[in-house]
N, C-alpha and C. Protein backbone atom coordinates (compact mmCIF):
# COMPACT_ATOMS: atom_id res chain seq x y z
N MET A 1 -11.51 11.54 22.31
CA MET A 1 -11.15 11.10 23.64
C MET A 1 -10.97 9.59 23.63
N LEU A 2 -9.86 9.12 24.15
CA LEU A 2 -9.50 7.70 24.11
C LEU A 2 -9.39 7.19 25.54
N PHE A 3 -10.37 6.39 25.95
CA PHE A 3 -10.37 5.85 27.30
C PHE A 3 -9.85 4.42 27.29
N ASN A 4 -8.92 4.14 28.19
CA ASN A 4 -8.44 2.78 28.38
C ASN A 4 -9.40 2.00 29.27
N PRO A 5 -9.35 0.66 29.22
CA PRO A 5 -10.21 -0.13 30.10
C PRO A 5 -10.03 0.25 31.57
N ASP A 6 -11.16 0.38 32.28
CA ASP A 6 -11.17 0.67 33.73
C ASP A 6 -10.64 2.06 34.07
N GLU A 7 -10.51 2.91 33.08
CA GLU A 7 -10.05 4.27 33.35
C GLU A 7 -11.23 5.10 33.85
N PRO A 8 -11.16 5.70 35.02
CA PRO A 8 -12.31 6.42 35.57
C PRO A 8 -12.63 7.69 34.78
N HIS A 9 -13.91 7.94 34.58
CA HIS A 9 -14.37 9.17 33.94
C HIS A 9 -15.82 9.37 34.32
N ASP A 10 -16.26 10.63 34.40
CA ASP A 10 -17.62 10.90 34.88
C ASP A 10 -18.59 11.25 33.77
N GLY A 11 -18.11 11.63 32.59
CA GLY A 11 -19.01 11.98 31.50
C GLY A 11 -19.71 13.31 31.69
N GLN A 12 -19.30 14.08 32.67
CA GLN A 12 -19.94 15.36 32.95
C GLN A 12 -19.39 16.44 32.02
N SER A 13 -20.26 17.37 31.67
CA SER A 13 -19.83 18.51 30.87
C SER A 13 -19.07 19.50 31.73
N GLY A 14 -18.05 20.11 31.15
CA GLY A 14 -17.26 21.09 31.88
C GLY A 14 -17.86 22.49 31.85
N THR A 15 -18.90 22.68 31.05
CA THR A 15 -19.54 23.99 30.96
C THR A 15 -21.05 23.84 31.05
N ALA A 16 -21.73 24.95 31.30
CA ALA A 16 -23.19 24.93 31.43
C ALA A 16 -23.88 24.63 30.10
N GLU A 17 -23.20 24.91 28.97
CA GLU A 17 -23.80 24.67 27.66
C GLU A 17 -23.96 23.18 27.35
N GLY A 18 -23.14 22.35 27.96
CA GLY A 18 -23.23 20.92 27.71
C GLY A 18 -22.65 20.53 26.36
N PHE A 19 -22.86 19.29 25.98
CA PHE A 19 -22.33 18.80 24.71
C PHE A 19 -23.03 17.49 24.37
N THR A 20 -22.88 17.08 23.13
CA THR A 20 -23.36 15.77 22.70
C THR A 20 -22.18 14.97 22.16
N TYR A 21 -22.26 13.66 22.23
CA TYR A 21 -21.17 12.84 21.74
C TYR A 21 -21.67 11.46 21.38
N THR A 22 -20.89 10.77 20.57
CA THR A 22 -21.13 9.37 20.25
C THR A 22 -19.93 8.57 20.72
N ILE A 23 -20.18 7.44 21.34
CA ILE A 23 -19.10 6.64 21.89
C ILE A 23 -19.14 5.23 21.31
N VAL A 24 -17.99 4.67 21.03
CA VAL A 24 -17.87 3.30 20.54
C VAL A 24 -17.17 2.48 21.62
N HIS A 25 -17.87 1.48 22.16
CA HIS A 25 -17.28 0.59 23.16
C HIS A 25 -16.66 -0.61 22.45
N LEU A 26 -15.39 -0.86 22.70
CA LEU A 26 -14.69 -1.98 22.08
C LEU A 26 -14.19 -2.94 23.15
N GLU A 27 -14.41 -4.23 22.93
CA GLU A 27 -13.83 -5.22 23.83
C GLU A 27 -12.30 -5.18 23.67
N PRO A 28 -11.57 -5.40 24.76
CA PRO A 28 -10.09 -5.33 24.67
C PRO A 28 -9.50 -6.21 23.58
N HIS A 29 -10.11 -7.38 23.31
CA HIS A 29 -9.53 -8.27 22.31
C HIS A 29 -9.60 -7.68 20.90
N VAL A 30 -10.52 -6.73 20.68
CA VAL A 30 -10.60 -6.08 19.37
C VAL A 30 -9.34 -5.26 19.11
N LEU A 31 -8.88 -4.55 20.13
CA LEU A 31 -7.65 -3.79 20.00
C LEU A 31 -6.45 -4.73 19.89
N ASP A 32 -6.52 -5.87 20.54
CA ASP A 32 -5.44 -6.85 20.40
C ASP A 32 -5.29 -7.28 18.94
N LEU A 33 -6.41 -7.55 18.29
CA LEU A 33 -6.38 -7.97 16.89
C LEU A 33 -5.81 -6.88 16.00
N ALA A 34 -6.18 -5.63 16.29
CA ALA A 34 -5.68 -4.51 15.48
C ALA A 34 -4.21 -4.27 15.72
N GLY A 35 -3.68 -4.75 16.84
CA GLY A 35 -2.28 -4.51 17.16
C GLY A 35 -1.40 -5.71 16.96
N THR A 36 -1.75 -6.60 16.06
CA THR A 36 -0.93 -7.78 15.81
C THR A 36 0.05 -7.52 14.68
N ALA A 37 1.02 -8.40 14.57
CA ALA A 37 2.01 -8.26 13.49
C ALA A 37 1.34 -8.37 12.13
N GLY A 38 0.26 -9.15 12.05
CA GLY A 38 -0.45 -9.28 10.78
C GLY A 38 -1.04 -7.99 10.30
N ALA A 39 -1.34 -7.09 11.24
CA ALA A 39 -1.86 -5.78 10.88
C ALA A 39 -0.74 -4.82 10.53
N GLY A 40 0.50 -5.26 10.68
CA GLY A 40 1.63 -4.40 10.37
C GLY A 40 1.97 -3.45 11.49
N VAL A 41 1.47 -3.72 12.70
CA VAL A 41 1.75 -2.83 13.82
C VAL A 41 1.94 -3.67 15.07
N ALA A 42 2.93 -3.30 15.86
CA ALA A 42 3.15 -3.96 17.14
C ALA A 42 2.97 -2.92 18.23
N ALA A 43 1.86 -2.96 18.91
CA ALA A 43 1.58 -1.96 19.93
C ALA A 43 0.69 -2.57 21.00
N ARG A 44 0.73 -2.02 22.20
CA ARG A 44 -0.17 -2.47 23.24
C ARG A 44 -1.58 -1.95 22.97
N ARG A 45 -2.52 -2.45 23.75
CA ARG A 45 -3.89 -2.05 23.53
C ARG A 45 -4.27 -0.83 24.35
N PHE A 46 -3.29 -0.18 24.98
CA PHE A 46 -3.56 0.99 25.79
C PHE A 46 -3.10 2.26 25.07
N PHE A 47 -3.78 3.36 25.36
CA PHE A 47 -3.44 4.64 24.76
C PHE A 47 -2.61 5.47 25.73
N ARG A 48 -1.71 6.28 25.19
CA ARG A 48 -0.81 7.08 26.02
C ARG A 48 -1.52 8.23 26.71
N ARG A 49 -2.53 8.79 26.05
CA ARG A 49 -3.23 9.94 26.63
C ARG A 49 -4.70 9.89 26.26
N THR A 50 -5.49 10.64 26.99
CA THR A 50 -6.94 10.59 26.81
C THR A 50 -7.40 11.55 25.72
N VAL A 51 -6.95 12.79 25.76
CA VAL A 51 -7.42 13.81 24.82
C VAL A 51 -6.44 13.94 23.66
N VAL A 52 -6.95 13.74 22.45
CA VAL A 52 -6.14 13.86 21.23
C VAL A 52 -6.79 14.89 20.33
N GLU A 53 -6.06 15.90 19.95
CA GLU A 53 -6.58 16.94 19.05
C GLU A 53 -6.11 16.62 17.64
N ASP A 54 -6.99 16.04 16.85
CA ASP A 54 -6.65 15.62 15.50
C ASP A 54 -7.91 15.61 14.65
N VAL A 55 -8.07 16.62 13.81
CA VAL A 55 -9.27 16.77 12.99
C VAL A 55 -9.45 15.59 12.05
N HIS A 56 -8.36 15.13 11.46
CA HIS A 56 -8.44 14.04 10.48
C HIS A 56 -8.86 12.73 11.15
N LEU A 57 -8.31 12.45 12.32
CA LEU A 57 -8.73 11.25 13.04
C LEU A 57 -10.19 11.37 13.48
N GLY A 58 -10.60 12.57 13.86
CA GLY A 58 -11.99 12.78 14.23
C GLY A 58 -12.93 12.48 13.08
N ALA A 59 -12.53 12.87 11.88
CA ALA A 59 -13.34 12.59 10.69
C ALA A 59 -13.40 11.09 10.41
N ARG A 60 -12.28 10.39 10.65
CA ARG A 60 -12.27 8.93 10.47
C ARG A 60 -13.23 8.26 11.44
N VAL A 61 -13.24 8.73 12.68
CA VAL A 61 -14.16 8.18 13.68
C VAL A 61 -15.61 8.38 13.22
N ALA A 62 -15.91 9.56 12.71
CA ALA A 62 -17.27 9.85 12.25
C ALA A 62 -17.67 8.93 11.10
N ARG A 63 -16.74 8.65 10.18
CA ARG A 63 -17.04 7.75 9.07
C ARG A 63 -17.31 6.33 9.55
N VAL A 64 -16.54 5.90 10.53
CA VAL A 64 -16.75 4.55 11.08
C VAL A 64 -18.13 4.44 11.72
N ILE A 65 -18.49 5.43 12.52
CA ILE A 65 -19.78 5.41 13.20
C ILE A 65 -20.92 5.41 12.19
N ALA A 66 -20.79 6.22 11.15
CA ALA A 66 -21.82 6.27 10.12
C ALA A 66 -21.95 4.92 9.41
N ALA A 67 -20.81 4.28 9.12
CA ALA A 67 -20.82 3.00 8.43
C ALA A 67 -21.48 1.91 9.27
N MET A 68 -21.32 2.00 10.59
CA MET A 68 -21.89 0.99 11.47
C MET A 68 -23.42 0.99 11.44
N GLY A 69 -24.00 2.11 11.03
CA GLY A 69 -25.45 2.20 11.00
C GLY A 69 -26.09 1.80 9.69
N LEU A 70 -25.30 1.33 8.72
CA LEU A 70 -25.83 0.99 7.40
C LEU A 70 -26.05 -0.51 7.27
N ALA A 71 -27.23 -0.89 6.81
CA ALA A 71 -27.53 -2.31 6.59
C ALA A 71 -26.72 -2.83 5.41
N GLY A 72 -26.27 -4.07 5.52
CA GLY A 72 -25.54 -4.71 4.43
C GLY A 72 -24.14 -4.20 4.22
N GLU A 73 -23.60 -3.44 5.19
CA GLU A 73 -22.28 -2.84 5.03
C GLU A 73 -21.30 -3.30 6.11
N SER A 74 -21.45 -4.54 6.57
CA SER A 74 -20.56 -5.03 7.64
C SER A 74 -19.10 -5.00 7.22
N LEU A 75 -18.82 -5.39 5.99
CA LEU A 75 -17.43 -5.42 5.52
C LEU A 75 -16.83 -4.02 5.53
N ARG A 76 -17.60 -3.05 5.07
CA ARG A 76 -17.11 -1.66 5.06
C ARG A 76 -16.89 -1.15 6.48
N ALA A 77 -17.86 -1.40 7.37
CA ALA A 77 -17.74 -0.92 8.75
C ALA A 77 -16.54 -1.56 9.45
N GLU A 78 -16.36 -2.87 9.27
CA GLU A 78 -15.24 -3.56 9.91
C GLU A 78 -13.91 -3.09 9.37
N THR A 79 -13.84 -2.89 8.06
CA THR A 79 -12.58 -2.45 7.46
C THR A 79 -12.21 -1.04 7.91
N LEU A 80 -13.19 -0.15 7.91
CA LEU A 80 -12.92 1.21 8.36
C LEU A 80 -12.53 1.25 9.83
N LEU A 81 -13.18 0.41 10.64
CA LEU A 81 -12.84 0.35 12.06
C LEU A 81 -11.42 -0.17 12.25
N ALA A 82 -11.05 -1.23 11.52
CA ALA A 82 -9.70 -1.78 11.64
C ALA A 82 -8.65 -0.75 11.24
N ARG A 83 -8.92 -0.01 10.17
CA ARG A 83 -7.97 1.01 9.72
C ARG A 83 -7.86 2.14 10.73
N LEU A 84 -8.99 2.50 11.35
CA LEU A 84 -8.97 3.53 12.38
C LEU A 84 -8.15 3.08 13.58
N LEU A 85 -8.39 1.86 14.05
CA LEU A 85 -7.65 1.35 15.21
C LEU A 85 -6.16 1.22 14.89
N HIS A 86 -5.86 0.79 13.66
CA HIS A 86 -4.46 0.70 13.24
C HIS A 86 -3.79 2.06 13.36
N ARG A 87 -4.48 3.10 12.87
CA ARG A 87 -3.92 4.46 12.93
C ARG A 87 -3.79 4.94 14.38
N LEU A 88 -4.82 4.67 15.19
CA LEU A 88 -4.78 5.10 16.58
C LEU A 88 -3.63 4.45 17.34
N LEU A 89 -3.45 3.14 17.11
CA LEU A 89 -2.39 2.43 17.81
C LEU A 89 -1.02 2.89 17.35
N ARG A 90 -0.89 3.14 16.07
CA ARG A 90 0.41 3.60 15.56
C ARG A 90 0.78 4.96 16.14
N GLN A 91 -0.21 5.86 16.21
CA GLN A 91 0.09 7.24 16.60
C GLN A 91 -0.01 7.46 18.11
N HIS A 92 -0.89 6.71 18.77
CA HIS A 92 -1.17 7.04 20.17
C HIS A 92 -1.11 5.83 21.10
N GLY A 93 -0.59 4.69 20.59
CA GLY A 93 -0.48 3.51 21.43
C GLY A 93 0.66 3.62 22.42
N ASP A 94 0.64 2.80 23.45
CA ASP A 94 1.68 2.79 24.47
C ASP A 94 2.26 1.38 24.54
N PRO A 95 3.53 1.17 24.16
CA PRO A 95 4.49 2.16 23.66
C PRO A 95 4.24 2.49 22.20
N PRO A 96 4.96 3.48 21.63
CA PRO A 96 4.81 3.78 20.20
C PRO A 96 5.00 2.54 19.35
N ALA A 97 4.27 2.46 18.27
CA ALA A 97 4.24 1.24 17.46
C ALA A 97 5.42 1.16 16.49
N THR A 98 5.76 -0.07 16.15
CA THR A 98 6.67 -0.33 15.05
C THR A 98 5.90 -1.03 13.96
N THR A 99 6.32 -0.85 12.73
CA THR A 99 5.55 -1.37 11.60
C THR A 99 6.35 -2.33 10.75
N SER A 100 5.72 -3.43 10.38
CA SER A 100 6.30 -4.36 9.41
C SER A 100 5.17 -5.14 8.81
N PHE A 101 5.31 -5.55 7.57
CA PHE A 101 4.22 -6.26 6.92
C PHE A 101 4.76 -7.14 5.80
N ALA A 102 4.33 -8.40 5.82
CA ALA A 102 4.71 -9.33 4.75
C ALA A 102 3.44 -9.78 4.06
N SER A 103 3.35 -9.54 2.77
CA SER A 103 2.15 -9.89 2.02
C SER A 103 2.19 -11.35 1.59
N PRO A 104 1.06 -12.08 1.75
CA PRO A 104 1.03 -13.47 1.31
C PRO A 104 0.95 -13.57 -0.20
N GLY A 105 0.97 -14.79 -0.71
CA GLY A 105 0.93 -15.01 -2.15
C GLY A 105 -0.33 -14.49 -2.80
N GLY A 106 -0.23 -14.13 -4.09
CA GLY A 106 -1.35 -13.54 -4.81
C GLY A 106 -2.51 -14.49 -5.04
N ARG A 107 -2.28 -15.81 -5.01
CA ARG A 107 -3.35 -16.76 -5.26
C ARG A 107 -4.46 -16.64 -4.23
N ARG A 108 -4.07 -16.49 -2.97
CA ARG A 108 -5.07 -16.36 -1.92
C ARG A 108 -5.87 -15.07 -2.06
N MET A 109 -5.22 -14.01 -2.50
CA MET A 109 -5.94 -12.75 -2.68
C MET A 109 -6.85 -12.81 -3.91
N ALA A 110 -6.46 -13.60 -4.91
CA ALA A 110 -7.33 -13.82 -6.06
C ALA A 110 -8.57 -14.60 -5.62
N ASP A 111 -8.40 -15.54 -4.70
CA ASP A 111 -9.54 -16.29 -4.18
C ASP A 111 -10.49 -15.36 -3.42
N VAL A 112 -9.92 -14.42 -2.67
CA VAL A 112 -10.75 -13.46 -1.95
C VAL A 112 -11.55 -12.60 -2.93
N ARG A 113 -10.86 -12.14 -3.97
CA ARG A 113 -11.53 -11.34 -5.00
C ARG A 113 -12.68 -12.12 -5.63
N ASP A 114 -12.44 -13.36 -5.99
CA ASP A 114 -13.48 -14.19 -6.61
C ASP A 114 -14.64 -14.43 -5.64
N PHE A 115 -14.33 -14.60 -4.36
CA PHE A 115 -15.36 -14.82 -3.35
C PHE A 115 -16.25 -13.58 -3.23
N ILE A 116 -15.63 -12.41 -3.22
CA ILE A 116 -16.40 -11.16 -3.13
C ILE A 116 -17.29 -11.01 -4.35
N GLU A 117 -16.76 -11.30 -5.52
CA GLU A 117 -17.56 -11.20 -6.75
C GLU A 117 -18.76 -12.15 -6.70
N ALA A 118 -18.53 -13.37 -6.21
CA ALA A 118 -19.59 -14.38 -6.19
C ALA A 118 -20.64 -14.12 -5.12
N HIS A 119 -20.27 -13.40 -4.06
CA HIS A 119 -21.18 -13.19 -2.94
C HIS A 119 -21.41 -11.71 -2.66
N ALA A 120 -21.33 -10.90 -3.70
CA ALA A 120 -21.42 -9.45 -3.52
C ALA A 120 -22.76 -9.00 -2.95
N ALA A 121 -23.82 -9.76 -3.17
CA ALA A 121 -25.13 -9.37 -2.67
C ALA A 121 -25.30 -9.69 -1.19
N ASP A 122 -24.36 -10.44 -0.62
CA ASP A 122 -24.44 -10.81 0.80
C ASP A 122 -23.80 -9.75 1.67
N ASP A 123 -24.14 -9.78 2.95
CA ASP A 123 -23.52 -8.87 3.92
C ASP A 123 -22.23 -9.52 4.40
N LEU A 124 -21.18 -9.39 3.61
CA LEU A 124 -19.91 -10.05 3.90
C LEU A 124 -19.22 -9.42 5.11
N THR A 125 -18.38 -10.20 5.76
CA THR A 125 -17.60 -9.72 6.89
C THR A 125 -16.13 -10.02 6.67
N VAL A 126 -15.28 -9.30 7.39
CA VAL A 126 -13.84 -9.54 7.30
C VAL A 126 -13.51 -10.94 7.81
N GLN A 127 -14.27 -11.42 8.80
CA GLN A 127 -14.02 -12.74 9.34
C GLN A 127 -14.18 -13.82 8.27
N GLN A 128 -15.15 -13.67 7.39
CA GLN A 128 -15.33 -14.63 6.30
C GLN A 128 -14.11 -14.66 5.38
N LEU A 129 -13.57 -13.50 5.08
CA LEU A 129 -12.39 -13.43 4.23
C LEU A 129 -11.18 -14.02 4.93
N ALA A 130 -11.09 -13.79 6.23
CA ALA A 130 -9.97 -14.33 7.00
C ALA A 130 -10.03 -15.86 7.02
N GLN A 131 -11.23 -16.41 7.22
CA GLN A 131 -11.37 -17.87 7.24
C GLN A 131 -11.05 -18.47 5.88
N LEU A 132 -11.37 -17.77 4.82
CA LEU A 132 -11.11 -18.25 3.47
C LEU A 132 -9.62 -18.40 3.21
N THR A 133 -8.83 -17.50 3.78
CA THR A 133 -7.39 -17.46 3.49
C THR A 133 -6.53 -18.06 4.59
N GLY A 134 -7.09 -18.21 5.79
CA GLY A 134 -6.28 -18.67 6.91
C GLY A 134 -5.44 -17.57 7.52
N LEU A 135 -5.74 -16.31 7.18
CA LEU A 135 -5.01 -15.17 7.73
C LEU A 135 -5.84 -14.51 8.82
N SER A 136 -5.22 -13.63 9.58
CA SER A 136 -5.96 -12.84 10.55
C SER A 136 -6.80 -11.81 9.81
N ARG A 137 -7.78 -11.25 10.49
CA ARG A 137 -8.64 -10.25 9.86
C ARG A 137 -7.84 -9.01 9.42
N ALA A 138 -6.93 -8.59 10.28
CA ALA A 138 -6.12 -7.43 9.92
C ALA A 138 -5.21 -7.74 8.74
N HIS A 139 -4.64 -8.94 8.73
CA HIS A 139 -3.68 -9.31 7.69
C HIS A 139 -4.37 -9.42 6.33
N VAL A 140 -5.55 -10.05 6.29
CA VAL A 140 -6.22 -10.24 5.00
C VAL A 140 -6.63 -8.90 4.40
N THR A 141 -7.01 -7.95 5.24
CA THR A 141 -7.39 -6.63 4.73
C THR A 141 -6.21 -5.93 4.09
N ARG A 142 -5.08 -5.95 4.76
CA ARG A 142 -3.89 -5.29 4.22
C ARG A 142 -3.36 -6.01 2.99
N ALA A 143 -3.41 -7.34 3.03
CA ALA A 143 -2.90 -8.11 1.89
C ALA A 143 -3.76 -7.88 0.65
N PHE A 144 -5.08 -7.83 0.83
CA PHE A 144 -5.97 -7.60 -0.30
C PHE A 144 -5.73 -6.21 -0.89
N THR A 145 -5.55 -5.23 -0.03
CA THR A 145 -5.29 -3.87 -0.50
C THR A 145 -3.99 -3.81 -1.28
N ALA A 146 -2.97 -4.50 -0.79
CA ALA A 146 -1.68 -4.52 -1.48
C ALA A 146 -1.80 -5.19 -2.84
N ALA A 147 -2.62 -6.25 -2.93
CA ALA A 147 -2.74 -7.01 -4.18
C ALA A 147 -3.62 -6.35 -5.21
N HIS A 148 -4.69 -5.66 -4.76
CA HIS A 148 -5.68 -5.14 -5.71
C HIS A 148 -5.83 -3.62 -5.70
N GLY A 149 -5.08 -2.95 -4.86
CA GLY A 149 -5.08 -1.50 -4.90
C GLY A 149 -6.19 -0.82 -4.12
N VAL A 150 -7.17 -1.57 -3.67
CA VAL A 150 -8.27 -1.03 -2.86
C VAL A 150 -8.58 -2.02 -1.75
N PRO A 151 -9.09 -1.56 -0.61
CA PRO A 151 -9.47 -2.49 0.46
C PRO A 151 -10.71 -3.29 0.07
N PRO A 152 -10.98 -4.38 0.75
CA PRO A 152 -12.10 -5.26 0.37
C PRO A 152 -13.45 -4.57 0.29
N HIS A 153 -13.73 -3.64 1.19
CA HIS A 153 -15.06 -3.02 1.18
C HIS A 153 -15.26 -2.16 -0.06
N LEU A 154 -14.21 -1.53 -0.57
CA LEU A 154 -14.34 -0.74 -1.79
C LEU A 154 -14.48 -1.64 -3.02
N TYR A 155 -13.78 -2.77 -2.99
CA TYR A 155 -13.94 -3.72 -4.10
C TYR A 155 -15.36 -4.28 -4.10
N LEU A 156 -15.89 -4.57 -2.93
CA LEU A 156 -17.27 -5.05 -2.82
C LEU A 156 -18.25 -4.02 -3.36
N ASN A 157 -18.03 -2.76 -3.04
CA ASN A 157 -18.90 -1.70 -3.54
C ASN A 157 -18.88 -1.67 -5.06
N GLY A 158 -17.69 -1.80 -5.64
CA GLY A 158 -17.58 -1.81 -7.10
C GLY A 158 -18.28 -3.00 -7.72
N ALA A 159 -18.14 -4.17 -7.08
CA ALA A 159 -18.81 -5.37 -7.59
C ALA A 159 -20.32 -5.21 -7.56
N ARG A 160 -20.82 -4.62 -6.51
CA ARG A 160 -22.27 -4.40 -6.40
C ARG A 160 -22.75 -3.41 -7.47
N LEU A 161 -21.98 -2.38 -7.69
CA LEU A 161 -22.38 -1.38 -8.69
C LEU A 161 -22.33 -1.95 -10.10
N ARG A 162 -21.37 -2.79 -10.37
CA ARG A 162 -21.33 -3.44 -11.69
C ARG A 162 -22.55 -4.34 -11.88
N ARG A 163 -22.98 -4.99 -10.81
CA ARG A 163 -24.18 -5.82 -10.87
C ARG A 163 -25.41 -4.96 -11.11
N VAL A 164 -25.47 -3.79 -10.49
CA VAL A 164 -26.58 -2.86 -10.71
C VAL A 164 -26.64 -2.48 -12.19
N GLN A 165 -25.51 -2.17 -12.79
CA GLN A 165 -25.48 -1.82 -14.20
C GLN A 165 -26.05 -2.94 -15.07
N GLN A 166 -25.63 -4.17 -14.78
CA GLN A 166 -26.12 -5.31 -15.55
C GLN A 166 -27.63 -5.45 -15.42
N LEU A 167 -28.12 -5.30 -14.21
CA LEU A 167 -29.56 -5.46 -13.96
C LEU A 167 -30.37 -4.36 -14.63
N LEU A 168 -29.87 -3.13 -14.57
CA LEU A 168 -30.59 -2.01 -15.20
C LEU A 168 -30.65 -2.19 -16.71
N LEU A 169 -29.55 -2.61 -17.29
CA LEU A 169 -29.54 -2.85 -18.73
C LEU A 169 -30.46 -4.01 -19.11
N GLY A 170 -30.70 -4.90 -18.16
CA GLY A 170 -31.58 -6.03 -18.41
C GLY A 170 -33.04 -5.72 -18.16
N GLY A 171 -33.34 -4.48 -17.74
CA GLY A 171 -34.73 -4.09 -17.56
C GLY A 171 -35.22 -3.98 -16.14
N SER A 172 -34.38 -4.22 -15.14
CA SER A 172 -34.80 -4.11 -13.75
C SER A 172 -35.08 -2.66 -13.37
N THR A 173 -35.95 -2.48 -12.39
CA THR A 173 -36.17 -1.14 -11.84
C THR A 173 -35.00 -0.77 -10.94
N LEU A 174 -34.88 0.51 -10.61
CA LEU A 174 -33.80 0.95 -9.74
C LEU A 174 -33.90 0.27 -8.36
N ALA A 175 -35.12 0.20 -7.83
CA ALA A 175 -35.31 -0.39 -6.51
C ALA A 175 -34.95 -1.87 -6.51
N ASP A 176 -35.40 -2.61 -7.52
CA ASP A 176 -35.12 -4.04 -7.58
C ASP A 176 -33.63 -4.29 -7.79
N ALA A 177 -33.00 -3.48 -8.63
CA ALA A 177 -31.56 -3.65 -8.88
C ALA A 177 -30.76 -3.39 -7.61
N ALA A 178 -31.17 -2.39 -6.86
CA ALA A 178 -30.46 -2.06 -5.62
C ALA A 178 -30.50 -3.22 -4.64
N LEU A 179 -31.67 -3.79 -4.43
CA LEU A 179 -31.82 -4.89 -3.48
C LEU A 179 -31.11 -6.15 -3.97
N ALA A 180 -31.22 -6.44 -5.24
CA ALA A 180 -30.60 -7.64 -5.80
C ALA A 180 -29.09 -7.57 -5.73
N ALA A 181 -28.53 -6.38 -5.81
CA ALA A 181 -27.08 -6.21 -5.79
C ALA A 181 -26.50 -6.17 -4.38
N GLY A 182 -27.38 -6.06 -3.36
CA GLY A 182 -26.88 -6.08 -1.99
C GLY A 182 -26.95 -4.77 -1.25
N PHE A 183 -27.52 -3.74 -1.87
CA PHE A 183 -27.66 -2.46 -1.19
C PHE A 183 -28.90 -2.45 -0.30
N ALA A 184 -28.88 -1.60 0.71
CA ALA A 184 -30.00 -1.55 1.65
C ALA A 184 -31.28 -1.09 0.99
N ASP A 185 -31.16 -0.12 0.07
CA ASP A 185 -32.33 0.40 -0.64
C ASP A 185 -31.86 1.20 -1.85
N GLN A 186 -32.82 1.77 -2.58
CA GLN A 186 -32.49 2.51 -3.80
C GLN A 186 -31.67 3.75 -3.49
N SER A 187 -32.00 4.43 -2.41
CA SER A 187 -31.26 5.65 -2.05
C SER A 187 -29.79 5.34 -1.75
N HIS A 188 -29.58 4.26 -1.02
CA HIS A 188 -28.23 3.83 -0.69
C HIS A 188 -27.44 3.54 -1.95
N MET A 189 -28.07 2.81 -2.87
CA MET A 189 -27.41 2.46 -4.12
C MET A 189 -27.11 3.70 -4.96
N SER A 190 -28.09 4.60 -5.07
CA SER A 190 -27.92 5.79 -5.91
C SER A 190 -26.78 6.67 -5.41
N LYS A 191 -26.65 6.77 -4.10
CA LYS A 191 -25.57 7.58 -3.53
C LYS A 191 -24.21 6.99 -3.89
N ARG A 192 -24.08 5.66 -3.76
CA ARG A 192 -22.82 5.02 -4.10
C ARG A 192 -22.56 5.08 -5.60
N PHE A 193 -23.60 4.92 -6.40
CA PHE A 193 -23.47 4.94 -7.85
C PHE A 193 -22.93 6.30 -8.31
N LYS A 194 -23.54 7.36 -7.81
CA LYS A 194 -23.11 8.70 -8.20
C LYS A 194 -21.71 9.00 -7.69
N GLY A 195 -21.39 8.49 -6.49
CA GLY A 195 -20.04 8.69 -5.96
C GLY A 195 -18.99 7.99 -6.79
N GLN A 196 -19.36 6.86 -7.41
CA GLN A 196 -18.42 6.10 -8.22
C GLN A 196 -18.25 6.67 -9.61
N TRP A 197 -19.37 7.05 -10.25
CA TRP A 197 -19.30 7.44 -11.66
C TRP A 197 -19.74 8.87 -11.95
N GLY A 198 -20.14 9.60 -10.93
CA GLY A 198 -20.43 11.01 -11.12
C GLY A 198 -21.80 11.33 -11.68
N VAL A 199 -22.61 10.32 -11.98
CA VAL A 199 -23.97 10.54 -12.46
C VAL A 199 -24.90 9.59 -11.72
N SER A 200 -26.18 9.93 -11.69
CA SER A 200 -27.15 9.06 -11.06
C SER A 200 -27.36 7.82 -11.91
N PRO A 201 -27.85 6.72 -11.34
CA PRO A 201 -28.09 5.52 -12.14
C PRO A 201 -29.12 5.73 -13.24
N GLY A 202 -30.13 6.58 -12.97
CA GLY A 202 -31.12 6.87 -14.00
C GLY A 202 -30.51 7.59 -15.19
N THR A 203 -29.65 8.57 -14.91
CA THR A 203 -28.98 9.30 -15.98
C THR A 203 -28.04 8.39 -16.75
N TRP A 204 -27.31 7.56 -16.05
CA TRP A 204 -26.40 6.62 -16.70
C TRP A 204 -27.17 5.69 -17.63
N LEU A 205 -28.33 5.19 -17.18
CA LEU A 205 -29.12 4.26 -17.99
C LEU A 205 -29.60 4.94 -19.26
N LYS A 206 -30.06 6.18 -19.15
CA LYS A 206 -30.52 6.91 -20.34
C LYS A 206 -29.37 7.09 -21.32
N GLN A 207 -28.20 7.41 -20.81
CA GLN A 207 -27.04 7.56 -21.70
C GLN A 207 -26.71 6.26 -22.42
N MET A 208 -26.78 5.15 -21.68
CA MET A 208 -26.46 3.87 -22.27
C MET A 208 -27.53 3.46 -23.29
N GLN A 209 -28.76 3.73 -23.01
CA GLN A 209 -29.84 3.39 -23.94
C GLN A 209 -29.76 4.26 -25.21
N GLY A 210 -29.25 5.48 -25.05
CA GLY A 210 -29.12 6.36 -26.19
C GLY A 210 -28.03 5.93 -27.15
N GLN A 211 -27.09 5.07 -26.64
CA GLN A 211 -25.99 4.61 -27.47
C GLN A 211 -26.36 3.38 -28.28
N ARG A 212 -27.53 2.79 -27.98
CA ARG A 212 -27.93 1.57 -28.68
C ARG A 212 -28.55 1.88 -30.03
């Protein structure tokens, strides 16, 4: 359900069974940023209709909400939110969106990559990357993806996991390596590690030690 600013709604259930929901409140200027030429979309900040039946978009919304609740994942949450808003504006904005995108020079994107590598343990934000390059938040995200094949939050995840590998090989515990690399805790790190390489960090370490 997509509500425009000042659009009346009562939040009442239409049936006796009721329902549960999660809602994300966005300031109008957030949609303005997502609808700029730098984001590759020209659209107003209003939606054409309230009810949208789209399973894939619903799954994207769920991923954004989940990311917002994770410590140390501001870059991931912001990037996923920007991509969601970009998709919503393109498909359901009023009027329908037009798309165009010009990628900046590779040197600035190399600087962003180096910055992420150097500060991977920090809770980075898209705003920091935008300030580094002089681009808008939407523009820097798209430009980085075009230059490196993955959005900034995925590159950050990879940088953190590479740091975990170095620390584990150096004798750190799983918990210490997770915190030092920028993850919220060991469980958070282990989930990302297995998602990246298909094995748990403990299993990976044993395999690596067996090769020595």
